[in-house]
PDB file of N, CA and C in Angstrom:
ATOM      1  N   MET A   1     -46.780-180.865 113.590  1.00  0.00           N
ATOM      2  CA  MET A   1     -46.811-180.030 112.409  1.00  0.00           C
ATOM      3  C   MET A   1     -45.949-178.804 112.644  1.00  0.00           C
ATOM      4  N   LYS A   2     -45.190-178.392 111.631  1.00  0.00           N
ATOM      5  CA  LYS A   2     -44.361-177.200 111.706  1.00  0.00           C
ATOM      6  C   LYS A   2     -45.245-175.958 111.781  1.00  0.00           C
ATOM      7  N   SER A   3     -44.656-174.842 112.193  1.00  0.00           N
ATOM      8  CA  SER A   3     -45.396-173.586 112.203  1.00  0.00           C
ATOM      9  C   SER A   3     -45.709-173.172 110.764  1.00  0.00           C
ATOM     10  N   VAL A   4     -46.738-172.364 110.617  1.00  0.00           N
ATOM     11  CA  VAL A   4     -47.175-171.918 109.301  1.00  0.00           C
ATOM     12  C   VAL A   4     -46.163-170.920 108.743  1.00  0.00           C
ATOM     13  N   LYS A   5     -45.722-171.148 107.518  1.00  0.00           N
ATOM     14  CA  LYS A   5     -44.726-170.280 106.875  1.00  0.00           C
ATOM     15  C   LYS A   5     -45.381-169.225 105.992  1.00  0.00           C
ATOM     16  N   GLY A   6     -46.488-169.587 105.319  1.00  0.00           N
ATOM     17  CA  GLY A   6     -47.171-168.660 104.419  1.00  0.00           C
ATOM     18  C   GLY A   6     -48.543-168.305 104.939  1.00  0.00           C
ATOM     19  N   TYR A   7     -48.989-167.085 104.627  1.00  0.00           N
ATOM     20  CA  TYR A   7     -50.294-166.640 105.116  1.00  0.00           C
ATOM     21  C   TYR A   7     -50.931-165.717 104.100  1.00  0.00           C
ATOM     22  N   LEU A   8     -52.211-165.977 103.807  1.00  0.00           N
ATOM     23  CA  LEU A   8     -53.014-165.075 102.987  1.00  0.00           C
ATOM     24  C   LEU A   8     -54.119-164.543 103.889  1.00  0.00           C
ATOM     25  N   GLY A   9     -54.110-163.235 104.173  1.00  0.00           N
ATOM     26  CA  GLY A   9     -55.049-162.628 105.109  1.00  0.00           C
ATOM     27  C   GLY A   9     -56.433-162.406 104.531  1.00  0.00           C
ATOM     28  N   SER A  10     -57.363-162.071 105.403  1.00  0.00           N
ATOM     29  CA  SER A  10     -58.780-161.949 105.027  1.00  0.00           C
ATOM     30  C   SER A  10     -59.046-160.792 104.076  1.00  0.00           C
ATOM     31  N   ASP A  11     -58.127-159.845 103.951  1.00  0.00           N
ATOM     32  CA  ASP A  11     -58.324-158.713 103.043  1.00  0.00           C
ATOM     33  C   ASP A  11     -57.820-159.014 101.629  1.00  0.00           C
ATOM     34  N   VAL A  12     -57.401-160.257 101.374  1.00  0.00           N
ATOM     35  CA  VAL A  12     -56.831-160.650 100.084  1.00  0.00           C
ATOM     36  C   VAL A  12     -57.835-161.478  99.284  1.00  0.00           C
ATOM     37  N   ARG A  13     -57.890-161.202  97.961  1.00  0.00           N
ATOM     38  CA  ARG A  13     -58.636-162.051  97.029  1.00  0.00           C
ATOM     39  C   ARG A  13     -57.688-162.367  95.887  1.00  0.00           C
ATOM     40  N   MET A  14     -57.494-163.677  95.637  1.00  0.00           N
ATOM     41  CA  MET A  14     -56.550-164.095  94.606  1.00  0.00           C
ATOM     42  C   MET A  14     -57.177-165.131  93.684  1.00  0.00           C
ATOM     43  N   ASP A  15     -56.775-165.068  92.422  1.00  0.00           N
ATOM     44  CA  ASP A  15     -57.139-166.070  91.429  1.00  0.00           C
ATOM     45  C   ASP A  15     -55.846-166.661  90.888  1.00  0.00           C
ATOM     46  N   GLY A  16     -55.847-167.980  90.638  1.00  0.00           N
ATOM     47  CA  GLY A  16     -54.668-168.611  90.055  1.00  0.00           C
ATOM     48  C   GLY A  16     -54.352-169.921  90.738  1.00  0.00           C
ATOM     49  N   SER A  17     -53.102-170.342  90.666  1.00  0.00           N
ATOM     50  CA  SER A  17     -52.641-171.568  91.312  1.00  0.00           C
ATOM     51  C   SER A  17     -51.589-171.209  92.338  1.00  0.00           C
ATOM     52  N   LEU A  18     -51.589-171.946  93.434  1.00  0.00           N
ATOM     53  CA  LEU A  18     -50.648-171.703  94.514  1.00  0.00           C
ATOM     54  C   LEU A  18     -49.943-173.006  94.841  1.00  0.00           C
ATOM     55  N   GLU A  19     -48.600-173.006  94.749  1.00  0.00           N
ATOM     56  CA  GLU A  19     -47.793-174.172  95.099  1.00  0.00           C
ATOM     57  C   GLU A  19     -46.720-173.745  96.073  1.00  0.00           C
ATOM     58  N   THR A  20     -46.526-174.538  97.139  1.00  0.00           N
ATOM     59  CA  THR A  20     -45.497-174.231  98.115  1.00  0.00           C
ATOM     60  C   THR A  20     -44.934-175.511  98.710  1.00  0.00           C
ATOM     61  N   ASN A  21     -43.682-175.443  99.134  1.00  0.00           N
ATOM     62  CA  ASN A  21     -43.077-176.566  99.842  1.00  0.00           C
ATOM     63  C   ASN A  21     -43.308-176.454 101.342  1.00  0.00           C
ATOM     64  N   ASP A  22     -43.728-175.278 101.797  1.00  0.00           N
ATOM     65  CA  ASP A  22     -43.980-175.040 103.215  1.00  0.00           C
ATOM     66  C   ASP A  22     -45.471-175.118 103.517  1.00  0.00           C
ATOM     67  N   SER A  23     -45.802-174.910 104.764  1.00  0.00           N
ATOM     68  CA  SER A  23     -47.205-174.873 105.173  1.00  0.00           C
ATOM     69  C   SER A  23     -47.775-173.496 104.849  1.00  0.00           C
ATOM     70  N   ILE A  24     -49.102-173.448 104.668  1.00  0.00           N
ATOM     71  CA  ILE A  24     -49.764-172.183 104.368  1.00  0.00           C
ATOM     72  C   ILE A  24     -51.120-172.143 105.056  1.00  0.00           C
ATOM     73  N   ARG A  25     -51.496-170.952 105.519  1.00  0.00           N
ATOM     74  CA  ARG A  25     -52.816-170.714 106.094  1.00  0.00           C
ATOM     75  C   ARG A  25     -53.516-169.712 105.186  1.00  0.00           C
ATOM     76  N   ILE A  26     -54.771-170.034 104.849  1.00  0.00           N
ATOM     77  CA  ILE A  26     -55.548-169.172 103.964  1.00  0.00           C
ATOM     78  C   ILE A  26     -56.765-168.652 104.729  1.00  0.00           C
ATOM     79  N   ASP A  27     -56.799-167.354 104.960  1.00  0.00           N
ATOM     80  CA  ASP A  27     -57.978-166.686 105.500  1.00  0.00           C
ATOM     81  C   ASP A  27     -58.560-165.763 104.440  1.00  0.00           C
ATOM     82  N   ALA A  28     -58.042-165.857 103.245  1.00  0.00           N
ATOM     83  CA  ALA A  28     -58.435-165.029 102.111  1.00  0.00           C
ATOM     84  C   ALA A  28     -59.513-165.734 101.289  1.00  0.00           C
ATOM     85  N   THR A  29     -59.936-165.062 100.225  1.00  0.00           N
ATOM     86  CA  THR A  29     -60.746-165.694  99.188  1.00  0.00           C
ATOM     87  C   THR A  29     -59.785-166.071  98.073  1.00  0.00           C
ATOM     88  N   PHE A  30     -59.708-167.364  97.784  1.00  0.00           N
ATOM     89  CA  PHE A  30     -58.771-167.871  96.788  1.00  0.00           C
ATOM     90  C   PHE A  30     -59.523-168.712  95.776  1.00  0.00           C
ATOM     91  N   VAL A  31     -59.390-168.365  94.497  1.00  0.00           N
ATOM     92  CA  VAL A  31     -60.019-169.114  93.411  1.00  0.00           C
ATOM     93  C   VAL A  31     -58.906-169.785  92.617  1.00  0.00           C
ATOM     94  N   GLY A  32     -58.836-171.102  92.695  1.00  0.00           N
ATOM     95  CA  GLY A  32     -57.794-171.849  92.002  1.00  0.00           C
ATOM     96  C   GLY A  32     -57.324-173.001  92.866  1.00  0.00           C
ATOM     97  N   ASN A  33     -56.352-173.725  92.377  1.00  0.00           N
ATOM     98  CA  ASN A  33     -55.863-174.910  93.079  1.00  0.00           C
ATOM     99  C   ASN A  33     -54.712-174.550  94.022  1.00  0.00           C
ATOM    100  N   VAL A  34     -54.676-175.261  95.161  1.00  0.00           N
ATOM    101  CA  VAL A  34     -53.651-175.048  96.174  1.00  0.00           C
ATOM    102  C   VAL A  34     -52.921-176.362  96.387  1.00  0.00           C
ATOM    103  N   SER A  35     -51.586-176.313  96.395  1.00  0.00           N
ATOM    104  CA  SER A  35     -50.783-177.509  96.602  1.00  0.00           C
ATOM    105  C   SER A  35     -49.643-177.178  97.555  1.00  0.00           C
ATOM    106  N   SER A  36     -49.437-178.060  98.556  1.00  0.00           N
ATOM    107  CA  SER A  36     -48.353-177.877  99.513  1.00  0.00           C
ATOM    108  C   SER A  36     -47.682-179.216  99.772  1.00  0.00           C
ATOM    109  N   SER A  37     -46.371-179.176  99.995  1.00  0.00           N
ATOM    110  CA  SER A  37     -45.646-180.388 100.386  1.00  0.00           C
ATOM    111  C   SER A  37     -45.726-180.615 101.885  1.00  0.00           C
ATOM    112  N   ASN A  38     -46.369-179.688 102.613  1.00  0.00           N
ATOM    113  CA  ASN A  38     -46.450-179.780 104.062  1.00  0.00           C
ATOM    114  C   ASN A  38     -47.906-179.797 104.517  1.00  0.00           C
ATOM    115  N   SER A  39     -48.508-178.624 104.713  1.00  0.00           N
ATOM    116  CA  SER A  39     -49.900-178.577 105.162  1.00  0.00           C
ATOM    117  C   SER A  39     -50.598-177.336 104.634  1.00  0.00           C
ATOM    118  N   VAL A  40     -51.919-177.435 104.541  1.00  0.00           N
ATOM    119  CA  VAL A  40     -52.763-176.306 104.152  1.00  0.00           C
ATOM    120  C   VAL A  40     -53.841-176.168 105.215  1.00  0.00           C
ATOM    121  N   VAL A  41     -54.003-174.949 105.740  1.00  0.00           N
ATOM    122  CA  VAL A  41     -55.058-174.646 106.695  1.00  0.00           C
ATOM    123  C   VAL A  41     -55.952-173.585 106.072  1.00  0.00           C
ATOM    124  N   VAL A  42     -57.249-173.873 105.986  1.00  0.00           N
ATOM    125  CA  VAL A  42     -58.222-172.872 105.561  1.00  0.00           C
ATOM    126  C   VAL A  42     -58.881-172.378 106.836  1.00  0.00           C
ATOM    127  N   GLY A  43     -58.562-171.132 107.214  1.00  0.00           N
ATOM    128  CA  GLY A  43     -59.062-170.567 108.459  1.00  0.00           C
ATOM    129  C   GLY A  43     -60.548-170.240 108.388  1.00  0.00           C
ATOM    130  N   THR A  44     -61.080-169.804 109.517  1.00  0.00           N
ATOM    131  CA  THR A  44     -62.508-169.504 109.634  1.00  0.00           C
ATOM    132  C   THR A  44     -62.973-168.504 108.586  1.00  0.00           C
ATOM    133  N   LEU A  45     -62.154-167.529 108.245  1.00  0.00           N
ATOM    134  CA  LEU A  45     -62.518-166.510 107.260  1.00  0.00           C
ATOM    135  C   LEU A  45     -62.149-166.912 105.834  1.00  0.00           C
ATOM    136  N   GLY A  46     -61.489-168.054 105.667  1.00  0.00           N
ATOM    137  CA  GLY A  46     -61.017-168.490 104.363  1.00  0.00           C
ATOM    138  C   GLY A  46     -62.120-169.048 103.478  1.00  0.00           C
ATOM    139  N   ARG A  47     -61.991-168.759 102.175  1.00  0.00           N
ATOM    140  CA  ARG A  47     -62.895-169.299 101.155  1.00  0.00           C
ATOM    141  C   ARG A  47     -62.027-169.749  99.985  1.00  0.00           C
ATOM    142  N   VAL A  48     -62.075-171.044  99.694  1.00  0.00           N
ATOM    143  CA  VAL A  48     -61.284-171.586  98.585  1.00  0.00           C
ATOM    144  C   VAL A  48     -62.228-172.255  97.604  1.00  0.00           C
ATOM    145  N   MET A  49     -62.128-171.846  96.331  1.00  0.00           N
ATOM    146  CA  MET A  49     -62.878-172.475  95.260  1.00  0.00           C
ATOM    147  C   MET A  49     -61.866-173.131  94.334  1.00  0.00           C
ATOM    148  N   GLY A  50     -61.598-174.413  94.592  1.00  0.00           N
ATOM    149  CA  GLY A  50     -60.605-175.149  93.827  1.00  0.00           C
ATOM    150  C   GLY A  50     -60.124-176.337  94.627  1.00  0.00           C
ATOM    151  N   GLU A  51     -59.283-177.135  94.014  1.00  0.00           N
ATOM    152  CA  GLU A  51     -58.750-178.348  94.653  1.00  0.00           C
ATOM    153  C   GLU A  51     -57.612-177.992  95.605  1.00  0.00           C
ATOM    154  N   ILE A  52     -57.580-178.689  96.750  1.00  0.00           N
ATOM    155  CA  ILE A  52     -56.478-178.541  97.704  1.00  0.00           C
ATOM    156  C   ILE A  52     -55.784-179.888  97.824  1.00  0.00           C
ATOM    157  N   GLN A  53     -54.452-179.874  97.684  1.00  0.00           N
ATOM    158  CA  GLN A  53     -53.674-181.103  97.769  1.00  0.00           C
ATOM    159  C   GLN A  53     -52.489-180.873  98.695  1.00  0.00           C
ATOM    160  N   ALA A  54     -52.365-181.735  99.736  1.00  0.00           N
ATOM    161  CA  ALA A  54     -51.269-181.629 100.704  1.00  0.00           C
ATOM    162  C   ALA A  54     -51.276-182.876 101.581  1.00  0.00           C
ATOM    163  N   PRO A  55     -50.182-183.155 102.275  1.00  0.00           N
ATOM    164  CA  PRO A  55     -50.211-184.272 103.218  1.00  0.00           C
ATOM    165  C   PRO A  55     -51.247-184.070 104.322  1.00  0.00           C
ATOM    166  N   VAL A  56     -51.341-182.848 104.856  1.00  0.00           N
ATOM    167  CA  VAL A  56     -52.303-182.528 105.914  1.00  0.00           C
ATOM    168  C   VAL A  56     -53.120-181.312 105.488  1.00  0.00           C
ATOM    169  N   ILE A  57     -54.450-181.449 105.565  1.00  0.00           N
ATOM    170  CA  ILE A  57     -55.360-180.352 105.223  1.00  0.00           C
ATOM    171  C   ILE A  57     -56.313-180.157 106.395  1.00  0.00           C
ATOM    172  N   LYS A  58     -56.386-178.906 106.891  1.00  0.00           N
ATOM    173  CA  LYS A  58     -57.331-178.571 107.956  1.00  0.00           C
ATOM    174  C   LYS A  58     -58.241-177.474 107.441  1.00  0.00           C
ATOM    175  N   VAL A  59     -59.555-177.679 107.607  1.00  0.00           N
ATOM    176  CA  VAL A  59     -60.521-176.702 107.111  1.00  0.00           C
ATOM    177  C   VAL A  59     -61.419-176.244 108.252  1.00  0.00           C
ATOM    178  N   ASP A  60     -61.459-174.919 108.447  1.00  0.00           N
ATOM    179  CA  ASP A  60     -62.380-174.320 109.406  1.00  0.00           C
ATOM    180  C   ASP A  60     -63.177-173.221 108.716  1.00  0.00           C
ATOM    181  N   GLY A  61     -63.022-173.119 107.410  1.00  0.00           N
ATOM    182  CA  GLY A  61     -63.713-172.124 106.604  1.00  0.00           C
ATOM    183  C   GLY A  61     -64.574-172.800 105.547  1.00  0.00           C
ATOM    184  N   TRP A  62     -64.598-172.219 104.356  1.00  0.00           N
ATOM    185  CA  TRP A  62     -65.481-172.665 103.282  1.00  0.00           C
ATOM    186  C   TRP A  62     -64.631-173.135 102.104  1.00  0.00           C
ATOM    187  N   VAL A  63     -64.905-174.351 101.621  1.00  0.00           N
ATOM    188  CA  VAL A  63     -64.187-174.890 100.460  1.00  0.00           C
ATOM    189  C   VAL A  63     -65.191-175.494  99.493  1.00  0.00           C
ATOM    190  N   GLU A  64     -65.057-175.131  98.223  1.00  0.00           N
ATOM    191  CA  GLU A  64     -65.805-175.788  97.160  1.00  0.00           C
ATOM    192  C   GLU A  64     -64.778-176.374  96.207  1.00  0.00           C
ATOM    193  N   GLY A  65     -64.551-177.681  96.344  1.00  0.00           N
ATOM    194  CA  GLY A  65     -63.549-178.370  95.550  1.00  0.00           C
ATOM    195  C   GLY A  65     -63.068-179.592  96.297  1.00  0.00           C
ATOM    196  N   ASP A  66     -62.330-180.445  95.624  1.00  0.00           N
ATOM    197  CA  ASP A  66     -61.852-181.686  96.223  1.00  0.00           C
ATOM    198  C   ASP A  66     -60.667-181.434  97.151  1.00  0.00           C
ATOM    199  N   LEU A  67     -60.599-182.245  98.209  1.00  0.00           N
ATOM    200  CA  LEU A  67     -59.481-182.239  99.140  1.00  0.00           C
ATOM    201  C   LEU A  67     -58.749-183.558  98.995  1.00  0.00           C
ATOM    202  N   LYS A  68     -57.455-183.509  98.688  1.00  0.00           N
ATOM    203  CA  LYS A  68     -56.659-184.715  98.482  1.00  0.00           C
ATOM    204  C   LYS A  68     -55.472-184.683  99.440  1.00  0.00           C
ATOM    205  N   ALA A  69     -55.543-185.526 100.478  1.00  0.00           N
ATOM    206  CA  ALA A  69     -54.522-185.517 101.521  1.00  0.00           C
ATOM    207  C   ALA A  69     -53.741-186.818 101.523  1.00  0.00           C
ATOM    208  N   GLY A  70     -52.432-186.704 101.735  1.00  0.00           N
ATOM    209  CA  GLY A  70     -51.585-187.882 101.847  1.00  0.00           C
ATOM    210  C   GLY A  70     -51.649-188.529 103.220  1.00  0.00           C
ATOM    211  N   LYS A  71     -52.040-187.759 104.253  1.00  0.00           N
ATOM    212  CA  LYS A  71     -52.112-188.285 105.616  1.00  0.00           C
ATOM    213  C   LYS A  71     -53.448-188.008 106.292  1.00  0.00           C
ATOM    214  N   LEU A  72     -53.902-186.728 106.315  1.00  0.00           N
ATOM    215  CA  LEU A  72     -55.041-186.361 107.143  1.00  0.00           C
ATOM    216  C   LEU A  72     -55.818-185.184 106.570  1.00  0.00           C
ATOM    217  N   VAL A  73     -57.147-185.292 106.627  1.00  0.00           N
ATOM    218  CA  VAL A  73     -58.035-184.147 106.435  1.00  0.00           C
ATOM    219  C   VAL A  73     -58.768-183.959 107.748  1.00  0.00           C
ATOM    220  N   GLU A  74     -58.696-182.734 108.283  1.00  0.00           N
ATOM    221  CA  GLU A  74     -59.403-182.417 109.518  1.00  0.00           C
ATOM    222  C   GLU A  74     -60.480-181.382 109.204  1.00  0.00           C
ATOM    223  N   VAL A  75     -61.737-181.756 109.451  1.00  0.00           N
ATOM    224  CA  VAL A  75     -62.881-180.886 109.226  1.00  0.00           C
ATOM    225  C   VAL A  75     -63.250-180.290 110.586  1.00  0.00           C
ATOM    226  N   LEU A  76     -62.975-178.994 110.753  1.00  0.00           N
ATOM    227  CA  LEU A  76     -63.189-178.341 112.032  1.00  0.00           C
ATOM    228  C   LEU A  76     -64.620-177.813 112.161  1.00  0.00           C
ATOM    229  N   GLY A  77     -64.952-177.271 113.301  1.00  0.00           N
ATOM    230  CA  GLY A  77     -66.330-176.930 113.646  1.00  0.00           C
ATOM    231  C   GLY A  77     -67.033-175.925 112.762  1.00  0.00           C
ATOM    232  N   ASN A  78     -66.312-175.010 112.124  1.00  0.00           N
ATOM    233  CA  ASN A  78     -66.931-174.005 111.256  1.00  0.00           C
ATOM    234  C   ASN A  78     -66.838-174.358 109.779  1.00  0.00           C
ATOM    235  N   ALA A  79     -66.299-175.513 109.459  1.00  0.00           N
ATOM    236  CA  ALA A  79     -66.046-175.899 108.064  1.00  0.00           C
ATOM    237  C   ALA A  79     -67.339-176.125 107.292  1.00  0.00           C
ATOM    238  N   ARG A  80     -67.304-175.683 106.037  1.00  0.00           N
ATOM    239  CA  ARG A  80     -68.372-175.951 105.073  1.00  0.00           C
ATOM    240  C   ARG A  80     -67.665-176.411 103.802  1.00  0.00           C
ATOM    241  N   ILE A  81     -67.770-177.706 103.515  1.00  0.00           N
ATOM    242  CA  ILE A  81     -67.040-178.288 102.381  1.00  0.00           C
ATOM    243  C   ILE A  81     -68.030-178.875 101.394  1.00  0.00           C
ATOM    244  N   LYS A  82     -67.872-178.493 100.126  1.00  0.00           N
ATOM    245  CA  LYS A  82     -68.661-179.068  99.035  1.00  0.00           C
ATOM    246  C   LYS A  82     -67.662-179.620  98.025  1.00  0.00           C
ATOM    247  N   GLY A  83     -67.461-180.936  98.083  1.00  0.00           N
ATOM    248  CA  GLY A  83     -66.483-181.585  97.221  1.00  0.00           C
ATOM    249  C   GLY A  83     -66.114-182.926  97.810  1.00  0.00           C
ATOM    250  N   ASN A  84     -65.284-183.656  97.126  1.00  0.00           N
ATOM    251  CA  ASN A  84     -64.880-184.987  97.570  1.00  0.00           C
ATOM    252  C   ASN A  84     -63.627-184.906  98.441  1.00  0.00           C
ATOM    253  N   ILE A  85     -63.534-185.840  99.393  1.00  0.00           N
ATOM    254  CA  ILE A  85     -62.371-185.923 100.267  1.00  0.00           C
ATOM    255  C   ILE A  85     -61.661-187.245  99.995  1.00  0.00           C
ATOM    256  N   TYR A  86     -60.371-187.170  99.685  1.00  0.00           N
ATOM    257  CA  TYR A  86     -59.542-188.342  99.425  1.00  0.00           C
ATOM    258  C   TYR A  86     -58.466-188.418 100.508  1.00  0.00           C
ATOM    259  N   THR A  87     -58.410-189.535 101.241  1.00  0.00           N
ATOM    260  CA  THR A  87     -57.401-189.724 102.281  1.00  0.00           C
ATOM    261  C   THR A  87     -56.999-191.191 102.345  1.00  0.00           C
ATOM    262  N   PRO A  88     -55.878-191.479 102.998  1.00  0.00           N
ATOM    263  CA  PRO A  88     -55.588-192.881 103.308  1.00  0.00           C
ATOM    264  C   PRO A  88     -56.539-193.354 104.412  1.00  0.00           C
ATOM    265  N   VAL A  89     -56.589-194.639 104.631  1.00  0.00           N
ATOM    266  CA  VAL A  89     -57.435-195.219 105.673  1.00  0.00           C
ATOM    267  C   VAL A  89     -57.092-194.566 107.007  1.00  0.00           C
ATOM    268  N   GLY A  90     -58.116-194.121 107.739  1.00  0.00           N
ATOM    269  CA  GLY A  90     -57.923-193.470 109.033  1.00  0.00           C
ATOM    270  C   GLY A  90     -57.528-192.008 108.928  1.00  0.00           C
ATOM    271  N   GLY A  91     -57.619-191.428 107.752  1.00  0.00           N
ATOM    272  CA  GLY A  91     -57.136-190.073 107.532  1.00  0.00           C
ATOM    273  C   GLY A  91     -58.185-188.985 107.568  1.00  0.00           C
ATOM    274  N   LEU A  92     -59.334-189.238 108.197  1.00  0.00           N
ATOM    275  CA  LEU A  92     -60.362-188.199 108.303  1.00  0.00           C
ATOM    276  C   LEU A  92     -60.685-187.963 109.767  1.00  0.00           C
ATOM    277  N   LYS A  93     -60.658-186.700 110.154  1.00  0.00           N
ATOM    278  CA  LYS A  93     -61.028-186.303 111.515  1.00  0.00           C
ATOM    279  C   LYS A  93     -62.081-185.212 111.374  1.00  0.00           C
ATOM    280  N   MET A  94     -63.247-185.417 111.986  1.00  0.00           N
ATOM    281  CA  MET A  94     -64.336-184.468 111.858  1.00  0.00           C
ATOM    282  C   MET A  94     -64.773-183.976 113.220  1.00  0.00           C
ATOM    283  N   ARG A  95     -64.855-182.670 113.367  1.00  0.00           N
ATOM    284  CA  ARG A  95     -65.307-182.070 114.617  1.00  0.00           C
ATOM    285  C   ARG A  95     -66.796-181.762 114.532  1.00  0.00           C
ATOM    286  N   PHE A  96     -67.443-181.721 115.680  1.00  0.00           N
ATOM    287  CA  PHE A  96     -68.861-181.400 115.759  1.00  0.00           C
ATOM    288  C   PHE A  96     -69.101-180.005 115.157  1.00  0.00           C
ATOM    289  N   GLY A  97     -70.108-179.909 114.301  1.00  0.00           N
ATOM    290  CA  GLY A  97     -70.460-178.638 113.669  1.00  0.00           C
ATOM    291  C   GLY A  97     -69.963-178.499 112.247  1.00  0.00           C
ATOM    292  N   GLY A  98     -68.902-179.199 111.885  1.00  0.00           N
ATOM    293  CA  GLY A  98     -68.385-179.130 110.527  1.00  0.00           C
ATOM    294  C   GLY A  98     -69.333-179.805 109.546  1.00  0.00           C
ATOM    295  N   GLU A  99     -69.445-179.250 108.339  1.00  0.00           N
ATOM    296  CA  GLU A  99     -70.331-179.810 107.312  1.00  0.00           C
ATOM    297  C   GLU A  99     -69.509-180.233 106.100  1.00  0.00           C
ATOM    298  N   PHE A 100     -69.942-181.361 105.515  1.00  0.00           N
ATOM    299  CA  PHE A 100     -69.258-181.909 104.347  1.00  0.00           C
ATOM    300  C   PHE A 100     -70.305-182.512 103.431  1.00  0.00           C
ATOM    301  N   LYS A 101     -70.319-182.071 102.164  1.00  0.00           N
ATOM    302  CA  LYS A 101     -71.236-182.622 101.175  1.00  0.00           C
ATOM    303  C   LYS A 101     -70.410-183.093  99.992  1.00  0.00           C
ATOM    304  N   GLY A 102     -70.362-184.408  99.817  1.00  0.00           N
ATOM    305  CA  GLY A 102     -69.572-184.997  98.745  1.00  0.00           C
ATOM    306  C   GLY A 102     -69.283-186.441  99.064  1.00  0.00           C
ATOM    307  N   LYS A 103     -68.328-187.010  98.359  1.00  0.00           N
ATOM    308  CA  LYS A 103     -67.931-188.395  98.591  1.00  0.00           C
ATOM    309  C   LYS A 103     -66.659-188.430  99.423  1.00  0.00           C
ATOM    310  N   PHE A 104     -66.563-189.459 100.260  1.00  0.00           N
ATOM    311  CA  PHE A 104     -65.358-189.694 101.044  1.00  0.00           C
ATOM    312  C   PHE A 104     -64.714-190.950 100.484  1.00  0.00           C
ATOM    313  N   ILE A 105     -63.503-190.824  99.947  1.00  0.00           N
ATOM    314  CA  ILE A 105     -62.817-191.942  99.319  1.00  0.00           C
ATOM    315  C   ILE A 105     -61.535-192.222 100.084  1.00  0.00           C
ATOM    316  N   MET A 106     -61.447-193.441 100.668  1.00  0.00           N
ATOM    317  CA  MET A 106     -60.239-193.858 101.366  1.00  0.00           C
ATOM    318  C   MET A 106     -59.421-194.757 100.449  1.00  0.00           C
ATOM    319  N   HIS A 107     -58.128-194.634 100.531  1.00  0.00           N
ATOM    320  CA  HIS A 107     -57.248-195.498  99.749  1.00  0.00           C
ATOM    321  C   HIS A 107     -56.197-196.081 100.673  1.00  0.00           C
ATOM    322  N   PHE A 108     -55.736-197.244 100.327  1.00  0.00           N
ATOM    323  CA  PHE A 108     -54.698-197.909 101.102  1.00  0.00           C
ATOM    324  C   PHE A 108     -53.338-197.373 100.683  1.00  0.00           C
ATOM    325  N   THR A 109     -52.481-197.083 101.672  1.00  0.00           N
ATOM    326  CA  THR A 109     -51.127-196.644 101.348  1.00  0.00           C
ATOM    327  C   THR A 109     -50.267-197.875 101.055  1.00  0.00           C
ATOM    328  N   LYS A 110     -49.260-197.674 100.280  1.00  0.00           N
ATOM    329  CA  LYS A 110     -48.399-198.794  99.871  1.00  0.00           C
ATOM    330  C   LYS A 110     -47.323-199.025 100.880  1.00  0.00           C
TER     331      LYS A 110
END
């Protein structure tokens, strides 16, 4: 994975939609949908209320909304997720301590 290009710090609160072609790390409170052509990381201090869509999604914070990944969703030890996770077959990695409440839907890639 490339280095993170965008960053929203813990002192930030934003409402709206966020789209980027680069990777982004969110340690802020963000209300709205997030989309990246690369990767999205929700850090330990991050809180996202909305859908996240990217090839790779890593969560170590709090998310209320669906996660839609083209390759991988990684649920890290501090993660608290309330929503559905959509990945290709083999695209979920869960660490001890992470919590997920919702449906896990795998799809076959073409």
